[in-house]
Amino acid sequence: MGIALVSISGAMAYFQYKKIMNYSLVYKGVRNVNFTKDKLSLTILYDYTNKADIDVTLEAQEYDVYIDNVFMTKMFNYAPNVLKASQTSEIAINVDLDLKEVSKKLGKDIYAKMLLDPKSVMIKFDMKWKVKLLGLIKFPVSYPYVVSLKEILSWYLPKGLKK
């Protein structure tokens, strides 16, 4: 009886985990933009659709950002964020860029590549989430997300300018 209960519970937990990982993340916009000659800080907003049948709490989010495999910065949100079961919730991610440091890391050649061939400039986000389920089960979720600069620009450009 005990083994059956553990097996059923494990199967249900695995099924919910698979639903959590089958999420939808849609760019929504930015806020709190602060731009100076040395620094750029902003908050990026996404809509996260939780397809699981249970609430998920993101206790912390960290994203290491790479451009063409060169580490640029860390994005973060350490405020707990509850993603409601079978609903869409907003996720906010804070970005702080030291523009002088980014310029040193990128080198001069990357600027021409960004302008002339943005589809070849790859941006990688190593996502590291600390997740809590049912108020007590905690586990880390890591996921790499790779996208071209051209695709990122298409999120912001009007439809007619995306070609």
N, C-alpha and C. Protein backbone atom coordinates (compact mmCIF):
# COMPACT_ATOMS: atom_id res chain seq x y z
N MET A 1 0.82 -1.19 0.00
CA MET A 1 0.00 0.00 0.00
C MET A 1 0.87 1.26 0.00
N GLY A 2 1.91 1.30 0.85
CA GLY A 2 2.80 2.45 0.94
C GLY A 2 3.57 2.67 -0.36
N ILE A 3 4.04 1.58 -0.98
CA ILE A 3 4.78 1.68 -2.24
C ILE A 3 3.88 2.23 -3.34
N ALA A 4 2.63 1.78 -3.38
CA ALA A 4 1.69 2.25 -4.39
C ALA A 4 1.43 3.75 -4.22
N LEU A 5 1.27 4.20 -2.98
CA LEU A 5 1.02 5.61 -2.72
C LEU A 5 2.22 6.47 -3.15
N VAL A 6 3.42 6.01 -2.81
CA VAL A 6 4.63 6.73 -3.21
C VAL A 6 4.75 6.75 -4.73
N SER A 7 4.46 5.63 -5.38
CA SER A 7 4.55 5.55 -6.85
C SER A 7 3.55 6.50 -7.51
N ILE A 8 2.32 6.51 -7.02
CA ILE A 8 1.30 7.39 -7.58
C ILE A 8 1.67 8.86 -7.35
N SER A 9 2.12 9.17 -6.15
CA SER A 9 2.53 10.55 -5.84
C SER A 9 3.69 10.98 -6.73
N GLY A 10 4.65 10.09 -6.90
CA GLY A 10 5.80 10.39 -7.76
C GLY A 10 5.38 10.62 -9.20
N ALA A 11 4.47 9.79 -9.71
CA ALA A 11 3.98 9.94 -11.08
C ALA A 11 3.23 11.26 -11.24
N MET A 12 2.40 11.62 -10.26
CA MET A 12 1.65 12.87 -10.33
C MET A 12 2.61 14.07 -10.28
N ALA A 13 3.61 14.00 -9.42
CA ALA A 13 4.59 15.08 -9.33
C ALA A 13 5.36 15.23 -10.64
N TYR A 14 5.74 14.11 -11.25
CA TYR A 14 6.46 14.15 -12.52
C TYR A 14 5.57 14.75 -13.61
N PHE A 15 4.29 14.38 -13.65
CA PHE A 15 3.35 14.90 -14.62
C PHE A 15 3.23 16.43 -14.48
N GLN A 16 3.14 16.93 -13.26
CA GLN A 16 3.05 18.37 -13.01
C GLN A 16 4.35 19.07 -13.42
N TYR A 17 5.49 18.43 -13.12
CA TYR A 17 6.79 18.99 -13.51
C TYR A 17 6.84 19.16 -15.03
N LYS A 18 6.40 18.15 -15.77
CA LYS A 18 6.40 18.22 -17.23
C LYS A 18 5.50 19.37 -17.72
N LYS A 19 4.37 19.57 -17.05
CA LYS A 19 3.48 20.67 -17.41
C LYS A 19 4.14 22.02 -17.11
N ILE A 20 4.85 22.10 -16.00
CA ILE A 20 5.53 23.35 -15.63
C ILE A 20 6.58 23.69 -16.69
N MET A 21 7.31 22.68 -17.15
CA MET A 21 8.36 22.92 -18.13
C MET A 21 7.81 23.16 -19.54
N ASN A 22 6.53 22.92 -19.76
CA ASN A 22 5.88 23.17 -21.04
C ASN A 22 5.19 24.54 -20.99
N TYR A 23 5.92 25.53 -20.54
CA TYR A 23 5.37 26.86 -20.33
C TYR A 23 5.38 27.69 -21.61
N SER A 24 4.72 28.81 -21.54
CA SER A 24 4.75 29.81 -22.61
C SER A 24 5.27 31.10 -22.00
N LEU A 25 6.28 31.68 -22.61
CA LEU A 25 6.88 32.93 -22.12
C LEU A 25 6.83 33.93 -23.27
N VAL A 26 6.09 35.03 -23.08
CA VAL A 26 5.88 36.02 -24.13
C VAL A 26 6.36 37.39 -23.64
N TYR A 27 7.21 38.02 -24.43
CA TYR A 27 7.71 39.35 -24.12
C TYR A 27 6.54 40.33 -24.06
N LYS A 28 6.53 41.16 -23.01
CA LYS A 28 5.44 42.11 -22.79
C LYS A 28 5.89 43.56 -22.91
N GLY A 29 7.10 43.86 -22.45
CA GLY A 29 7.58 45.24 -22.52
C GLY A 29 8.66 45.51 -21.48
N VAL A 30 9.00 46.77 -21.32
CA VAL A 30 10.00 47.18 -20.32
C VAL A 30 9.45 48.34 -19.49
N ARG A 31 10.01 48.51 -18.32
CA ARG A 31 9.66 49.65 -17.47
C ARG A 31 10.91 50.02 -16.65
N ASN A 32 10.82 51.12 -15.96
CA ASN A 32 11.91 51.60 -15.10
C ASN A 32 13.24 51.72 -15.85
N VAL A 33 13.19 52.27 -17.06
CA VAL A 33 14.40 52.42 -17.87
C VAL A 33 15.19 53.62 -17.37
N ASN A 34 16.47 53.38 -17.09
CA ASN A 34 17.38 54.44 -16.66
C ASN A 34 18.64 54.30 -17.51
N PHE A 35 18.92 55.32 -18.33
CA PHE A 35 20.02 55.25 -19.28
C PHE A 35 20.93 56.45 -19.08
N THR A 36 22.22 56.17 -18.82
CA THR A 36 23.24 57.21 -18.76
C THR A 36 24.36 56.81 -19.70
N LYS A 37 25.39 57.62 -19.80
CA LYS A 37 26.49 57.27 -20.70
C LYS A 37 27.26 56.04 -20.20
N ASP A 38 27.16 55.71 -18.92
CA ASP A 38 27.90 54.58 -18.36
C ASP A 38 27.05 53.37 -18.01
N LYS A 39 25.74 53.55 -17.89
CA LYS A 39 24.92 52.47 -17.34
C LYS A 39 23.54 52.44 -17.98
N LEU A 40 23.03 51.23 -18.10
CA LEU A 40 21.65 51.02 -18.53
C LEU A 40 21.01 50.06 -17.54
N SER A 41 19.90 50.49 -16.97
CA SER A 41 19.15 49.58 -16.09
C SER A 41 17.69 49.65 -16.51
N LEU A 42 17.02 48.51 -16.42
CA LEU A 42 15.62 48.42 -16.80
C LEU A 42 15.03 47.14 -16.24
N THR A 43 13.72 47.04 -16.33
CA THR A 43 13.02 45.83 -15.94
C THR A 43 12.29 45.31 -17.17
N ILE A 44 12.56 44.05 -17.54
CA ILE A 44 11.91 43.42 -18.67
C ILE A 44 10.70 42.65 -18.14
N LEU A 45 9.58 42.79 -18.82
CA LEU A 45 8.34 42.12 -18.41
C LEU A 45 7.96 41.02 -19.40
N TYR A 46 7.61 39.87 -18.86
CA TYR A 46 7.14 38.74 -19.66
C TYR A 46 5.83 38.23 -19.08
N ASP A 47 5.01 37.64 -19.93
CA ASP A 47 3.84 36.89 -19.48
C ASP A 47 4.22 35.42 -19.52
N TYR A 48 4.09 34.76 -18.37
CA TYR A 48 4.40 33.33 -18.23
C TYR A 48 3.08 32.60 -18.06
N THR A 49 2.81 31.63 -18.96
CA THR A 49 1.61 30.82 -18.83
C THR A 49 1.98 29.51 -18.16
N ASN A 50 1.45 29.32 -16.96
CA ASN A 50 1.68 28.12 -16.17
C ASN A 50 0.64 27.08 -16.60
N LYS A 51 1.09 26.02 -17.24
CA LYS A 51 0.16 25.00 -17.74
C LYS A 51 -0.08 23.89 -16.71
N ALA A 52 0.58 23.99 -15.57
CA ALA A 52 0.38 22.99 -14.51
C ALA A 52 -0.94 23.25 -13.78
N ASP A 53 -1.39 22.24 -13.07
CA ASP A 53 -2.64 22.34 -12.31
C ASP A 53 -2.41 22.84 -10.88
N ILE A 54 -1.19 23.27 -10.59
CA ILE A 54 -0.85 23.76 -9.26
C ILE A 54 -0.10 25.08 -9.38
N ASP A 55 -0.20 25.90 -8.33
CA ASP A 55 0.57 27.14 -8.31
C ASP A 55 2.05 26.81 -8.20
N VAL A 56 2.87 27.66 -8.82
CA VAL A 56 4.32 27.53 -8.76
C VAL A 56 4.87 28.85 -8.23
N THR A 57 5.77 28.78 -7.26
CA THR A 57 6.40 30.00 -6.75
C THR A 57 7.83 30.05 -7.26
N LEU A 58 8.16 31.11 -7.99
CA LEU A 58 9.55 31.37 -8.36
C LEU A 58 10.14 32.14 -7.19
N GLU A 59 10.97 31.48 -6.39
CA GLU A 59 11.56 32.16 -5.24
C GLU A 59 12.67 33.10 -5.67
N ALA A 60 13.38 32.74 -6.73
CA ALA A 60 14.45 33.58 -7.25
C ALA A 60 14.68 33.22 -8.71
N GLN A 61 15.08 34.23 -9.47
CA GLN A 61 15.41 34.03 -10.87
C GLN A 61 16.75 34.69 -11.15
N GLU A 62 17.63 33.97 -11.85
CA GLU A 62 18.89 34.53 -12.32
C GLU A 62 19.08 34.10 -13.77
N TYR A 63 19.62 35.00 -14.55
CA TYR A 63 19.85 34.74 -15.96
C TYR A 63 21.25 35.25 -16.31
N ASP A 64 22.15 34.36 -16.66
CA ASP A 64 23.46 34.78 -17.16
C ASP A 64 23.30 35.04 -18.65
N VAL A 65 23.75 36.20 -19.11
CA VAL A 65 23.55 36.60 -20.51
C VAL A 65 24.89 36.60 -21.24
N TYR A 66 24.90 35.93 -22.39
CA TYR A 66 26.09 35.83 -23.23
C TYR A 66 25.75 36.36 -24.62
N ILE A 67 26.67 37.10 -25.22
CA ILE A 67 26.55 37.49 -26.62
C ILE A 67 27.72 36.85 -27.35
N ASP A 68 27.40 36.04 -28.34
CA ASP A 68 28.41 35.27 -29.07
C ASP A 68 29.38 34.58 -28.10
N ASN A 69 28.82 33.93 -27.09
CA ASN A 69 29.55 33.14 -26.09
C ASN A 69 30.45 33.95 -25.17
N VAL A 70 30.25 35.25 -25.09
CA VAL A 70 31.00 36.09 -24.15
C VAL A 70 30.03 36.56 -23.07
N PHE A 71 30.35 36.27 -21.80
CA PHE A 71 29.49 36.68 -20.69
C PHE A 71 29.38 38.20 -20.65
N MET A 72 28.13 38.69 -20.56
CA MET A 72 27.88 40.13 -20.54
C MET A 72 27.41 40.61 -19.18
N THR A 73 26.37 39.96 -18.64
CA THR A 73 25.78 40.44 -17.40
C THR A 73 24.90 39.36 -16.79
N LYS A 74 24.41 39.65 -15.61
CA LYS A 74 23.45 38.79 -14.94
C LYS A 74 22.16 39.59 -14.76
N MET A 75 21.05 38.98 -15.17
CA MET A 75 19.74 39.57 -14.91
C MET A 75 19.16 38.81 -13.72
N PHE A 76 18.26 39.45 -12.97
CA PHE A 76 17.80 38.80 -11.74
C PHE A 76 16.44 39.31 -11.29
N ASN A 77 15.84 38.53 -10.44
CA ASN A 77 14.66 38.94 -9.67
C ASN A 77 14.63 38.04 -8.45
N TYR A 78 14.85 38.61 -7.28
CA TYR A 78 14.89 37.83 -6.05
C TYR A 78 13.60 37.95 -5.24
N ALA A 79 12.61 38.65 -5.77
CA ALA A 79 11.31 38.73 -5.10
C ALA A 79 10.48 37.52 -5.50
N PRO A 80 9.88 36.83 -4.53
CA PRO A 80 9.04 35.67 -4.88
C PRO A 80 7.91 36.08 -5.83
N ASN A 81 7.62 35.21 -6.77
CA ASN A 81 6.61 35.48 -7.79
C ASN A 81 5.74 34.24 -7.91
N VAL A 82 4.45 34.35 -7.60
CA VAL A 82 3.55 33.20 -7.67
C VAL A 82 2.93 33.12 -9.06
N LEU A 83 3.13 31.98 -9.71
CA LEU A 83 2.56 31.72 -11.03
C LEU A 83 1.33 30.84 -10.81
N LYS A 84 0.17 31.41 -10.96
CA LYS A 84 -1.09 30.71 -10.67
C LYS A 84 -1.33 29.54 -11.61
N ALA A 85 -1.93 28.49 -11.08
CA ALA A 85 -2.25 27.28 -11.83
C ALA A 85 -3.11 27.61 -13.06
N SER A 86 -2.70 27.09 -14.20
CA SER A 86 -3.46 27.22 -15.46
C SER A 86 -3.80 28.67 -15.81
N GLN A 87 -2.91 29.60 -15.46
CA GLN A 87 -3.13 31.02 -15.74
C GLN A 87 -1.85 31.66 -16.27
N THR A 88 -1.99 32.88 -16.74
CA THR A 88 -0.84 33.66 -17.19
C THR A 88 -0.51 34.69 -16.11
N SER A 89 0.76 34.76 -15.75
CA SER A 89 1.24 35.69 -14.73
C SER A 89 2.41 36.50 -15.29
N GLU A 90 2.59 37.69 -14.76
CA GLU A 90 3.70 38.53 -15.19
C GLU A 90 4.98 38.16 -14.44
N ILE A 91 6.07 38.11 -15.17
CA ILE A 91 7.40 37.92 -14.59
C ILE A 91 8.21 39.17 -14.91
N ALA A 92 8.87 39.72 -13.90
CA ALA A 92 9.73 40.90 -14.09
C ALA A 92 11.18 40.48 -13.87
N ILE A 93 12.06 40.94 -14.76
CA ILE A 93 13.48 40.61 -14.67
C ILE A 93 14.27 41.91 -14.72
N ASN A 94 15.10 42.13 -13.71
CA ASN A 94 15.89 43.35 -13.63
C ASN A 94 17.20 43.20 -14.38
N VAL A 95 17.57 44.25 -15.11
CA VAL A 95 18.81 44.25 -15.89
C VAL A 95 19.62 45.47 -15.49
N ASP A 96 20.89 45.26 -15.17
CA ASP A 96 21.83 46.35 -14.91
C ASP A 96 23.06 46.12 -15.77
N LEU A 97 23.30 47.03 -16.72
CA LEU A 97 24.46 46.90 -17.61
C LEU A 97 25.44 48.03 -17.38
N ASP A 98 26.69 47.67 -17.16
CA ASP A 98 27.78 48.64 -17.15
C ASP A 98 28.23 48.74 -18.60
N LEU A 99 27.86 49.82 -19.27
CA LEU A 99 28.08 49.94 -20.71
C LEU A 99 29.55 49.95 -21.10
N LYS A 100 30.41 50.52 -20.26
CA LYS A 100 31.85 50.50 -20.54
C LYS A 100 32.38 49.07 -20.50
N GLU A 101 31.93 48.31 -19.52
CA GLU A 101 32.38 46.91 -19.38
C GLU A 101 31.88 46.06 -20.55
N VAL A 102 30.63 46.27 -20.93
CA VAL A 102 30.07 45.53 -22.07
C VAL A 102 30.84 45.86 -23.34
N SER A 103 31.16 47.12 -23.54
CA SER A 103 31.90 47.54 -24.73
C SER A 103 33.27 46.87 -24.78
N LYS A 104 33.94 46.78 -23.64
CA LYS A 104 35.25 46.11 -23.58
C LYS A 104 35.13 44.62 -23.94
N LYS A 105 34.10 43.98 -23.42
CA LYS A 105 33.90 42.55 -23.64
C LYS A 105 33.54 42.23 -25.09
N LEU A 106 32.77 43.09 -25.71
CA LEU A 106 32.29 42.81 -27.06
C LEU A 106 33.38 42.96 -28.12
N GLY A 107 34.23 43.93 -27.98
CA GLY A 107 35.22 44.18 -29.02
C GLY A 107 34.59 44.99 -30.15
N LYS A 108 35.42 45.46 -31.05
CA LYS A 108 34.96 46.37 -32.11
C LYS A 108 34.25 45.64 -33.24
N ASP A 109 34.64 44.43 -33.55
CA ASP A 109 34.06 43.71 -34.70
C ASP A 109 32.59 43.39 -34.52
N ILE A 110 32.14 43.21 -33.30
CA ILE A 110 30.76 42.78 -33.06
C ILE A 110 29.76 43.85 -33.48
N TYR A 111 30.13 45.12 -33.41
CA TYR A 111 29.18 46.18 -33.76
C TYR A 111 28.79 46.11 -35.23
N ALA A 112 29.76 45.89 -36.10
CA ALA A 112 29.46 45.74 -37.54
C ALA A 112 28.59 44.50 -37.76
N LYS A 113 28.91 43.42 -37.06
CA LYS A 113 28.13 42.19 -37.19
C LYS A 113 26.69 42.41 -36.72
N MET A 114 26.51 43.16 -35.64
CA MET A 114 25.16 43.45 -35.13
C MET A 114 24.35 44.24 -36.14
N LEU A 115 24.99 45.19 -36.83
CA LEU A 115 24.29 46.02 -37.80
C LEU A 115 24.05 45.30 -39.13
N LEU A 116 25.07 44.59 -39.61
CA LEU A 116 25.01 44.00 -40.95
C LEU A 116 24.44 42.59 -40.99
N ASP A 117 24.58 41.84 -39.90
CA ASP A 117 24.13 40.44 -39.91
C ASP A 117 23.58 40.04 -38.53
N PRO A 118 22.49 40.69 -38.09
CA PRO A 118 21.98 40.43 -36.73
C PRO A 118 21.53 38.99 -36.51
N LYS A 119 21.19 38.27 -37.57
CA LYS A 119 20.77 36.87 -37.38
C LYS A 119 21.94 35.98 -36.97
N SER A 120 23.18 36.44 -37.21
CA SER A 120 24.34 35.63 -36.83
C SER A 120 24.84 35.93 -35.41
N VAL A 121 24.31 36.97 -34.79
CA VAL A 121 24.70 37.32 -33.42
C VAL A 121 23.78 36.54 -32.47
N MET A 122 24.36 35.58 -31.76
CA MET A 122 23.58 34.72 -30.89
C MET A 122 23.64 35.22 -29.45
N ILE A 123 22.47 35.28 -28.84
CA ILE A 123 22.37 35.71 -27.44
C ILE A 123 21.83 34.52 -26.65
N LYS A 124 22.56 34.17 -25.61
CA LYS A 124 22.19 33.01 -24.79
C LYS A 124 21.86 33.49 -23.38
N PHE A 125 20.75 32.96 -22.87
CA PHE A 125 20.34 33.22 -21.50
C PHE A 125 20.39 31.90 -20.75
N ASP A 126 21.26 31.78 -19.76
CA ASP A 126 21.26 30.60 -18.89
C ASP A 126 20.33 30.91 -17.73
N MET A 127 19.12 30.35 -17.81
CA MET A 127 18.09 30.60 -16.80
C MET A 127 18.32 29.68 -15.60
N LYS A 128 18.27 30.26 -14.41
CA LYS A 128 18.39 29.50 -13.17
C LYS A 128 17.29 29.97 -12.24
N TRP A 129 16.29 29.12 -12.09
CA TRP A 129 15.16 29.45 -11.22
C TRP A 129 15.20 28.59 -9.97
N LYS A 130 14.81 29.19 -8.84
CA LYS A 130 14.56 28.44 -7.62
C LYS A 130 13.05 28.37 -7.47
N VAL A 131 12.52 27.14 -7.55
CA VAL A 131 11.08 26.93 -7.62
C VAL A 131 10.58 26.25 -6.36
N LYS A 132 9.36 26.62 -5.95
CA LYS A 132 8.72 25.96 -4.82
C LYS A 132 7.32 25.55 -5.24
N LEU A 133 6.96 24.29 -4.95
CA LEU A 133 5.63 23.77 -5.24
C LEU A 133 4.93 23.41 -3.95
N LEU A 134 3.65 23.64 -3.93
CA LEU A 134 2.80 23.27 -2.79
C LEU A 134 3.31 23.86 -1.47
N GLY A 135 4.06 24.94 -1.57
CA GLY A 135 4.56 25.61 -0.38
C GLY A 135 5.68 24.91 0.35
N LEU A 136 6.12 23.74 -0.13
CA LEU A 136 7.18 23.04 0.60
C LEU A 136 8.19 22.29 -0.23
N ILE A 137 7.88 21.91 -1.44
CA ILE A 137 8.84 21.18 -2.27
C ILE A 137 9.66 22.20 -3.07
N LYS A 138 10.97 22.26 -2.80
CA LYS A 138 11.86 23.21 -3.46
C LYS A 138 12.82 22.46 -4.38
N PHE A 139 13.06 23.06 -5.57
CA PHE A 139 14.04 22.48 -6.48
C PHE A 139 14.50 23.55 -7.47
N PRO A 140 15.72 23.37 -7.99
CA PRO A 140 16.22 24.31 -9.00
C PRO A 140 15.78 23.89 -10.40
N VAL A 141 15.59 24.87 -11.26
CA VAL A 141 15.31 24.61 -12.67
C VAL A 141 16.33 25.42 -13.47
N SER A 142 17.08 24.74 -14.31
CA SER A 142 18.04 25.41 -15.18
C SER A 142 17.66 25.14 -16.63
N TYR A 143 17.79 26.17 -17.44
CA TYR A 143 17.39 26.03 -18.83
C TYR A 143 18.13 27.05 -19.68
N PRO A 144 18.87 26.60 -20.71
CA PRO A 144 19.49 27.57 -21.61
C PRO A 144 18.49 27.99 -22.69
N TYR A 145 18.47 29.26 -23.00
CA TYR A 145 17.61 29.79 -24.05
C TYR A 145 18.50 30.59 -24.99
N VAL A 146 18.53 30.20 -26.27
CA VAL A 146 19.40 30.86 -27.25
C VAL A 146 18.52 31.47 -28.33
N VAL A 147 18.82 32.72 -28.68
CA VAL A 147 18.03 33.45 -29.67
C VAL A 147 18.97 34.38 -30.44
N SER A 148 18.64 34.67 -31.67
CA SER A 148 19.47 35.60 -32.45
C SER A 148 19.08 37.04 -32.13
N LEU A 149 20.01 37.94 -32.36
CA LEU A 149 19.73 39.37 -32.18
C LEU A 149 18.59 39.80 -33.09
N LYS A 150 18.54 39.25 -34.30
CA LYS A 150 17.47 39.59 -35.23
C LYS A 150 16.10 39.26 -34.64
N GLU A 151 15.99 38.09 -33.99
CA GLU A 151 14.71 37.72 -33.39
C GLU A 151 14.35 38.66 -32.24
N ILE A 152 15.32 39.00 -31.42
CA ILE A 152 15.05 39.92 -30.31
C ILE A 152 14.59 41.28 -30.85
N LEU A 153 15.24 41.77 -31.88
CA LEU A 153 14.83 43.05 -32.46
C LEU A 153 13.41 42.99 -33.01
N SER A 154 13.02 41.83 -33.52
CA SER A 154 11.67 41.69 -34.08
C SER A 154 10.58 41.84 -33.00
N TRP A 155 10.93 41.63 -31.75
CA TRP A 155 9.96 41.81 -30.66
C TRP A 155 9.59 43.28 -30.51
N TYR A 156 10.52 44.16 -30.88
CA TYR A 156 10.35 45.59 -30.63
C TYR A 156 9.94 46.38 -31.88
N LEU A 157 10.28 45.89 -33.06
CA LEU A 157 10.03 46.63 -34.28
C LEU A 157 8.59 46.48 -34.76
N PRO A 158 8.06 47.52 -35.36
CA PRO A 158 6.73 47.39 -35.97
C PRO A 158 6.77 46.32 -37.06
N LYS A 159 5.64 45.69 -37.31
CA LYS A 159 5.54 44.57 -38.24
C LYS A 159 6.18 44.86 -39.60
N GLY A 160 6.00 46.03 -40.16
CA GLY A 160 6.52 46.34 -41.48
C GLY A 160 8.02 46.46 -41.55
N LEU A 161 8.71 46.61 -40.39
CA LEU A 161 10.16 46.79 -40.37
C LEU A 161 10.91 45.50 -40.04
N LYS A 162 10.24 44.39 -39.91
CA LYS A 162 10.88 43.15 -39.44
C LYS A 162 11.68 42.42 -40.52
N LYS A 163 11.56 42.80 -41.77
CA LYS A 163 12.27 42.09 -42.83
C LYS A 163 13.68 42.38 -42.77
